[in-house]
């Protein structure tokens, strides 16, 4: 998602940003053998969604703002490029000619979890259409008009007759409201957890998030071969670690329980939309929600000096690092070991 500028002032923005610092990090899972599509087997994989699917925080194929090169992470000094502006996939690993970018090719490593999954499962027919900052209403009815024509993107997916579509979608624009809307900011900073949940649901209802998500899922399932797997968002622990004078010091971010409540309501809405569509006919065999909880209690937070960080520190721990995106893949693969047919895989493909 994109936070944009706000007249609220540095202090209040920082308070809320810290409160939301755990909104998008990663989950530890062991990297055991994964399902493998046999060589030469035609299998079409597509991805749509928001910044988490787009691989936010890393330089894409065509990104003039990258100083360190394609596939490299953005630095703190470059972060202003990643805020505001059009929905142009800014600061995401699939920025550029996404229709030609196969994962791990052209010297660019696979960063987003969808791209990492394509590489891990040896699926060359993969395109990631996810757009940083995009919302369910845009993918559903293409409004308001922006940098992308989302109807065209979604139609491209349908025209490819995919076997599997992966996505994260639904956090925008709800989380943005808790950065920039004074009423939502007050809710996070001052009210009880039950009231925070009500605030989150109010925003979800205001943007008709569940309705738009259901429409998107239903349209994707009009392709008879397609399977849809929707990943939820992560809700990390508020603790972070940092070495101070040679000692590991633990810090706790303020009002983390409120952040956890907001993400929980977003995930619940996404799952409700999946369940509603799955309840129709044989859809239950072709659409699934994969939750990202539980997360490790403290390890791998953005300032953790003892473990590899799974979230980027310069955007207040919102988006995953490459290692964090890898945790999404591990959770997805773990799910498919138990149910390979959920992805359109044959049982014999599971390693």
Protein backbone atom coordinates (compact mmCIF):
# COMPACT_ATOMS: atom_id res chain seq x y z
CA UNK A 1 0.00 0.00 0.00
CA UNK A 2 1.02 3.65 -0.20
CA UNK A 3 0.86 6.05 2.73
CA UNK A 4 1.18 9.34 0.81
CA UNK A 5 1.58 12.75 2.39
CA UNK A 6 -0.62 14.13 5.15
CA UNK A 7 -1.11 17.47 6.92
CA UNK A 8 -1.25 15.76 10.29
CA UNK A 9 2.32 16.58 11.19
CA UNK A 10 5.44 14.50 11.67
CA UNK A 11 4.80 13.50 15.27
CA UNK A 12 1.33 12.11 14.78
CA UNK A 13 2.28 10.36 11.52
CA UNK A 14 5.22 8.74 13.24
CA UNK A 15 3.02 7.56 16.12
CA UNK A 16 0.60 5.84 13.79
CA UNK A 17 3.34 4.49 11.56
CA UNK A 18 4.96 2.86 14.55
CA UNK A 19 1.61 1.52 15.65
CA UNK A 20 1.26 -0.11 12.25
CA UNK A 21 4.84 -1.27 12.07
CA UNK A 22 3.94 -4.94 12.23
CA UNK A 23 1.40 -4.87 9.46
CA UNK A 24 3.31 -6.92 6.87
CA UNK A 25 6.16 -9.20 7.97
CA UNK A 26 6.97 -12.90 7.53
CA UNK A 27 6.47 -16.42 8.89
CA UNK A 28 9.08 -19.10 9.60
CA UNK A 29 8.56 -22.46 7.94
CA UNK A 30 11.06 -25.15 7.15
CA UNK A 31 12.08 -25.43 3.53
CA UNK A 32 11.28 -29.10 2.78
CA UNK A 33 10.68 -30.60 -0.66
CA UNK A 34 8.02 -28.79 -2.67
CA UNK A 35 5.63 -29.86 -5.41
CA UNK A 36 7.30 -29.88 -8.82
CA UNK A 37 5.51 -29.50 -12.13
CA UNK A 38 7.10 -32.08 -14.47
CA UNK A 39 9.34 -30.73 -17.21
CA UNK A 40 7.36 -29.97 -20.33
CA UNK A 41 4.03 -30.07 -18.52
CA UNK A 42 1.96 -27.05 -19.62
CA UNK A 43 0.92 -25.14 -16.51
CA UNK A 44 -0.11 -21.49 -16.48
CA UNK A 45 0.44 -19.46 -13.31
CA UNK A 46 -0.69 -15.86 -12.86
CA UNK A 47 -0.66 -13.44 -9.91
CA UNK A 48 -2.71 -10.33 -9.20
CA UNK A 49 -3.05 -8.13 -6.13
CA UNK A 50 -1.29 -5.44 -4.17
CA UNK A 51 2.23 -4.54 -3.02
CA UNK A 52 2.71 -7.75 -1.03
CA UNK A 53 2.21 -9.80 -4.20
CA UNK A 54 4.13 -7.26 -6.32
CA UNK A 55 7.30 -7.59 -4.21
CA UNK A 56 7.37 -4.06 -2.82
CA UNK A 57 10.72 -2.70 -1.66
CA UNK A 58 12.86 -4.04 -4.50
CA UNK A 59 13.95 -2.64 -7.86
CA UNK A 60 12.24 -4.02 -10.95
CA UNK A 61 13.33 -4.50 -14.54
CA UNK A 62 12.52 -0.94 -15.56
CA UNK A 63 12.96 1.36 -12.59
CA UNK A 64 14.93 4.59 -13.15
CA UNK A 65 15.06 5.28 -9.41
CA UNK A 66 17.21 2.24 -8.59
CA UNK A 67 20.76 3.10 -7.67
CA UNK A 68 22.04 -0.39 -6.86
CA UNK A 69 20.54 -2.26 -9.81
CA UNK A 70 17.66 -4.52 -10.72
CA UNK A 71 16.44 -6.88 -8.03
CA UNK A 72 18.20 -4.94 -5.28
CA UNK A 73 16.40 -3.50 -2.26
CA UNK A 74 15.60 0.15 -2.03
CA UNK A 75 17.55 2.07 0.58
CA UNK A 76 16.41 4.51 3.23
CA UNK A 77 17.64 7.44 1.14
CA UNK A 78 15.45 6.35 -1.76
CA UNK A 79 12.25 5.79 0.18
CA UNK A 80 10.61 9.08 -0.88
CA UNK A 81 10.32 7.64 -4.40
CA UNK A 82 8.11 4.89 -3.02
CA UNK A 83 5.46 7.17 -1.51
CA UNK A 84 2.44 8.60 -3.27
CA UNK A 85 2.00 9.02 -6.98
CA UNK A 86 0.20 6.88 -9.53
CA UNK A 87 -0.39 3.17 -9.19
CA UNK A 88 2.68 2.51 -11.28
CA UNK A 89 4.20 -0.46 -9.44
CA UNK A 90 6.74 1.92 -7.97
CA UNK A 91 9.47 0.28 -5.93
CA UNK A 92 8.24 -3.25 -6.70
CA UNK A 93 10.25 -6.10 -8.13
CA UNK A 94 7.84 -6.59 -11.05
CA UNK A 95 7.97 -2.97 -12.20
CA UNK A 96 8.67 -2.81 -15.91
CA UNK A 97 7.79 -5.25 -18.64
CA UNK A 98 5.99 -7.65 -16.34
CA UNK A 99 4.49 -9.52 -19.30
CA UNK A 100 7.98 -10.60 -20.38
CA UNK A 101 9.60 -11.05 -16.99
CA UNK A 102 9.85 -14.70 -16.08
CA UNK A 103 11.05 -15.31 -12.50
CA UNK A 104 14.77 -15.45 -12.02
CA UNK A 105 15.57 -14.39 -15.60
CA UNK A 106 17.37 -11.38 -17.05
CA UNK A 107 19.68 -11.36 -14.07
CA UNK A 108 16.88 -10.33 -11.72
CA UNK A 109 16.20 -12.64 -8.77
CA UNK A 110 12.66 -13.68 -7.93
CA UNK A 111 11.60 -11.43 -5.05
CA UNK A 112 7.83 -11.51 -4.61
CA UNK A 113 6.39 -14.63 -3.02
CA UNK A 114 4.45 -15.42 -6.20
CA UNK A 115 7.64 -15.25 -8.29
CA UNK A 116 9.59 -17.27 -5.73
CA UNK A 117 6.85 -19.91 -5.84
CA UNK A 118 7.03 -20.08 -9.65
CA UNK A 119 10.79 -20.63 -9.49
CA UNK A 120 10.52 -23.17 -6.68
CA UNK A 121 7.90 -25.18 -8.57
CA UNK A 122 9.62 -24.89 -11.97
CA UNK A 123 6.68 -23.10 -13.63
CA UNK A 124 8.04 -20.96 -16.50
CA UNK A 125 4.64 -19.71 -17.74
CA UNK A 126 4.26 -17.11 -14.99
CA UNK A 127 3.30 -13.42 -15.04
CA UNK A 128 2.84 -11.21 -12.00
CA UNK A 129 0.24 -8.49 -12.62
CA UNK A 130 0.13 -7.24 -9.02
CA UNK A 131 0.23 -3.45 -8.58
CA UNK A 132 1.52 -1.58 -5.55
CA UNK A 133 -1.25 0.25 -3.72
CA UNK A 134 -4.08 -1.38 -5.67
CA UNK A 135 -7.48 -2.01 -4.10
CA UNK A 136 -10.32 -4.51 -4.57
CA UNK A 137 -12.61 -1.89 -6.15
CA UNK A 138 -10.01 -1.14 -8.82
CA UNK A 139 -9.60 -4.78 -9.81
CA UNK A 140 -13.39 -5.16 -9.73
CA UNK A 141 -14.79 -2.10 -11.50
CA UNK A 142 -11.66 -0.18 -12.59
CA UNK A 143 -12.58 2.95 -10.62
CA UNK A 144 -11.32 5.49 -10.05
CA UNK A 145 -9.26 5.60 -13.28
CA UNK A 146 -5.51 5.52 -12.63
CA UNK A 147 -2.18 4.62 -14.10
CA UNK A 148 -3.39 1.10 -14.95
CA UNK A 149 -6.50 -0.23 -16.64
CA UNK A 150 -7.28 -3.00 -14.17
CA UNK A 151 -9.96 -4.46 -16.43
CA UNK A 152 -7.29 -5.00 -19.07
CA UNK A 153 -4.94 -6.62 -16.56
CA UNK A 154 -7.63 -8.96 -15.28
CA UNK A 155 -8.77 -9.78 -18.81
CA UNK A 156 -5.17 -10.67 -19.69
CA UNK A 157 -5.22 -13.14 -16.82
CA UNK A 158 -8.49 -14.69 -18.00
CA UNK A 159 -7.33 -14.85 -21.63
CA UNK A 160 -4.28 -16.88 -20.54
CA UNK A 161 -6.60 -19.64 -19.21
CA UNK A 162 -4.55 -20.06 -16.04
CA UNK A 163 -4.39 -23.25 -14.02
CA UNK A 164 -3.64 -21.24 -10.87
CA UNK A 165 -3.98 -17.61 -9.78
CA UNK A 166 -2.26 -16.37 -6.61
CA UNK A 167 -3.00 -13.14 -4.78
CA UNK A 168 -3.03 -10.95 -1.71
CA UNK A 169 -5.68 -8.25 -1.89
CA UNK A 170 -7.86 -6.33 0.56
CA UNK A 171 -5.50 -4.43 2.86
CA UNK A 172 -5.82 -1.32 0.71
CA UNK A 173 -7.21 1.24 1.24
CA UNK A 174 -8.16 0.28 4.81
CA UNK A 175 -4.65 0.46 6.30
CA UNK A 176 -4.03 3.75 4.52
CA UNK A 177 -6.97 5.24 6.43
CA UNK A 178 -5.25 4.44 9.72
CA UNK A 179 -2.23 6.43 8.54
CA UNK A 180 -3.96 9.47 7.11
CA UNK A 181 -7.54 9.79 8.35
CA UNK A 182 -7.70 11.75 11.66
CA UNK A 183 -10.72 9.77 12.82
CA UNK A 184 -9.00 6.43 12.14
CA UNK A 185 -5.77 7.65 13.75
CA UNK A 186 -7.65 8.58 16.91
CA UNK A 187 -9.23 5.15 16.93
CA UNK A 188 -5.83 3.40 16.94
CA UNK A 189 -4.24 5.76 19.44
CA UNK A 190 -7.04 6.21 21.97
CA UNK A 191 -9.77 3.57 21.86
CA UNK A 192 -10.14 0.02 23.19
CA UNK A 193 -9.38 -3.03 21.08
CA UNK A 194 -13.07 -3.82 20.59
CA UNK A 195 -13.59 -0.27 19.35
CA UNK A 196 -10.57 -0.57 17.04
CA UNK A 197 -12.16 -3.65 15.49
CA UNK A 198 -15.34 -1.66 14.92
CA UNK A 199 -13.30 1.11 13.28
CA UNK A 200 -11.65 -1.42 10.96
CA UNK A 201 -14.98 -2.97 10.03
CA UNK A 202 -16.42 0.46 9.38
CA UNK A 203 -13.66 1.15 6.87
CA UNK A 204 -14.02 -2.27 5.26
CA UNK A 205 -17.75 -1.72 4.84
CA UNK A 206 -17.27 1.84 3.60
CA UNK A 207 -15.15 0.57 0.72
CA UNK A 208 -17.36 -2.51 0.14
CA UNK A 209 -14.23 -4.64 0.33
CA UNK A 210 -15.96 -8.00 0.69
CA UNK A 211 -18.33 -7.40 -2.23
CA UNK A 212 -15.50 -6.37 -4.57
CA UNK A 213 -13.38 -9.34 -3.52
CA UNK A 214 -16.23 -11.75 -4.20
CA UNK A 215 -16.71 -10.28 -7.66
CA UNK A 216 -13.00 -10.70 -8.43
CA UNK A 217 -12.93 -14.32 -7.25
CA UNK A 218 -16.05 -15.17 -9.21
CA UNK A 219 -14.62 -13.67 -12.38
CA UNK A 220 -11.36 -15.60 -11.99
CA UNK A 221 -13.32 -18.83 -11.59
CA UNK A 222 -15.14 -18.31 -14.89
CA UNK A 223 -12.04 -19.96 -16.39
CA UNK A 224 -12.83 -23.68 -15.98
CA UNK A 225 -9.19 -24.67 -15.45
CA UNK A 226 -8.41 -21.96 -12.92
CA UNK A 227 -7.73 -22.46 -9.22
CA UNK A 228 -7.47 -19.45 -6.92
CA UNK A 229 -5.39 -19.33 -3.74
CA UNK A 230 -5.72 -16.19 -1.63
CA UNK A 231 -3.08 -15.58 1.02
CA UNK A 232 -3.88 -13.60 4.15
CA UNK A 233 -1.75 -10.86 5.68
CA UNK A 234 0.67 -11.41 8.52
CA UNK A 235 0.28 -10.10 12.08
CA UNK A 236 3.75 -10.02 13.67
CA UNK A 237 4.80 -9.62 17.27
CA UNK A 238 5.59 -6.02 18.30
CA UNK A 239 9.01 -6.81 19.70
CA UNK A 240 12.11 -5.76 17.81
CA UNK A 241 15.75 -6.17 18.76
CA UNK A 242 18.70 -3.89 18.29
CA UNK A 243 22.28 -4.03 19.48
CA UNK A 244 23.06 -1.07 21.75
CA UNK A 245 26.61 -0.81 23.17
CA UNK A 246 27.18 -4.47 22.42
CA UNK A 247 23.99 -5.65 24.09
CA UNK A 248 20.77 -6.86 22.47
CA UNK A 249 17.98 -4.57 23.63
CA UNK A 250 14.31 -5.38 23.10
CA UNK A 251 11.81 -2.67 22.19
CA UNK A 252 8.04 -2.87 22.02
CA UNK A 253 6.09 -0.83 19.51
CA UNK A 254 3.14 1.16 20.90
CA UNK A 255 -0.43 -0.01 20.46
CA UNK A 256 0.55 -3.18 18.64
CA UNK A 257 -2.61 -4.92 19.82
CA UNK A 258 -4.57 -2.35 17.82
CA UNK A 259 -2.56 -3.16 14.69
CA UNK A 260 -3.16 -6.85 15.26
CA UNK A 261 -6.89 -6.19 15.57
CA UNK A 262 -6.98 -4.25 12.29
CA UNK A 263 -5.09 -6.91 10.35
CA UNK A 264 -7.30 -9.56 11.93
CA UNK A 265 -10.45 -7.84 10.67
CA UNK A 266 -8.96 -7.46 7.18
CA UNK A 267 -8.05 -11.16 7.07
CA UNK A 268 -11.49 -12.12 8.36
CA UNK A 269 -13.15 -10.11 5.58
CA UNK A 270 -10.92 -11.68 2.92
CA UNK A 271 -11.68 -15.17 4.23
CA UNK A 272 -15.42 -14.44 4.38
CA UNK A 273 -15.32 -13.43 0.72
CA UNK A 274 -13.45 -16.63 -0.19
CA UNK A 275 -15.90 -18.75 1.83
CA UNK A 276 -18.91 -17.06 0.22
CA UNK A 277 -17.65 -17.83 -3.29
CA UNK A 278 -16.50 -21.32 -2.29
CA UNK A 279 -20.02 -22.14 -1.09
CA UNK A 280 -21.39 -21.93 -4.65
CA UNK A 281 -21.46 -25.16 -6.62
CA UNK A 282 -18.10 -26.86 -7.04
CA UNK A 283 -16.14 -23.71 -6.29
CA UNK A 284 -14.98 -25.16 -2.97
CA UNK A 285 -12.57 -27.34 -4.94
CA UNK A 286 -11.02 -24.39 -6.76
CA UNK A 287 -10.71 -21.47 -4.32
CA UNK A 288 -8.92 -21.47 -0.98
CA UNK A 289 -7.75 -19.07 1.70
CA UNK A 290 -4.35 -19.66 3.30
CA UNK A 291 -3.89 -17.82 6.59
CA UNK A 292 -0.47 -16.59 7.68
CA UNK A 293 -0.81 -17.05 11.43
CA UNK A 294 0.81 -17.94 13.73
CA UNK A 295 3.92 -15.86 13.42
CA UNK A 296 7.09 -16.28 15.48
CA UNK A 297 6.85 -14.45 18.77
CA UNK A 298 9.83 -12.15 18.40
CA UNK A 299 12.35 -13.31 15.82
CA UNK A 300 13.02 -11.72 12.46
CA UNK A 301 11.43 -8.33 13.19
CA UNK A 302 12.71 -5.35 11.22
CA UNK A 303 15.36 -4.22 13.74
CA UNK A 304 16.22 -7.71 14.98
CA UNK A 305 20.00 -7.89 15.27
CA UNK A 306 20.06 -11.61 16.11
CA UNK A 307 18.09 -12.95 13.12
CA UNK A 308 17.67 -12.23 9.43
CA UNK A 309 14.98 -9.50 9.16
CA UNK A 310 11.80 -10.55 7.41
CA UNK A 311 10.45 -7.01 7.10
CA UNK A 312 11.90 -3.77 5.74
CA UNK A 313 12.87 -1.24 8.39
CA UNK A 314 12.67 1.94 6.29
CA UNK A 315 8.93 1.67 5.72
CA UNK A 316 8.20 1.06 9.42
CA UNK A 317 8.23 -2.72 9.05
CA UNK A 318 5.23 -2.80 6.74
CA UNK A 319 6.49 -4.90 3.82
CA UNK A 320 8.56 -8.09 3.80
CA UNK A 321 12.17 -8.45 2.78
CA UNK A 322 13.11 -11.09 0.21
CA UNK A 323 13.46 -13.49 3.14
CA UNK A 324 10.05 -12.43 4.41
CA UNK A 325 8.43 -13.10 1.05
CA UNK A 326 10.04 -16.53 1.24
CA UNK A 327 7.96 -17.28 4.33
CA UNK A 328 4.79 -16.78 2.27
CA UNK A 329 6.09 -19.41 -0.15
CA UNK A 330 6.83 -21.82 2.68
CA UNK A 331 3.32 -21.45 4.06
CA UNK A 332 1.79 -21.95 0.61
CA UNK A 333 3.90 -25.03 -0.12
CA UNK A 334 3.04 -26.48 3.28
CA UNK A 335 -0.65 -26.06 2.44
CA UNK A 336 -0.23 -27.72 -0.96
CA UNK A 337 1.56 -30.74 0.48
CA UNK A 338 -1.75 -31.60 2.16
CA UNK A 339 -3.95 -30.58 -0.79
CA UNK A 340 -2.07 -30.40 -4.13
CA UNK A 341 -5.37 -30.38 -6.05
CA UNK A 342 -6.10 -26.92 -4.56
CA UNK A 343 -3.51 -25.55 -7.00
CA UNK A 344 -4.51 -27.80 -9.88
CA UNK A 345 -1.49 -30.00 -9.18
CA UNK A 346 -1.57 -33.76 -9.65
CA UNK A 347 -0.80 -35.86 -6.55
CA UNK A 348 2.33 -37.23 -8.18
CA UNK A 349 3.80 -33.74 -8.45
CA UNK A 350 4.25 -33.41 -4.69
CA UNK A 351 7.80 -34.02 -3.57
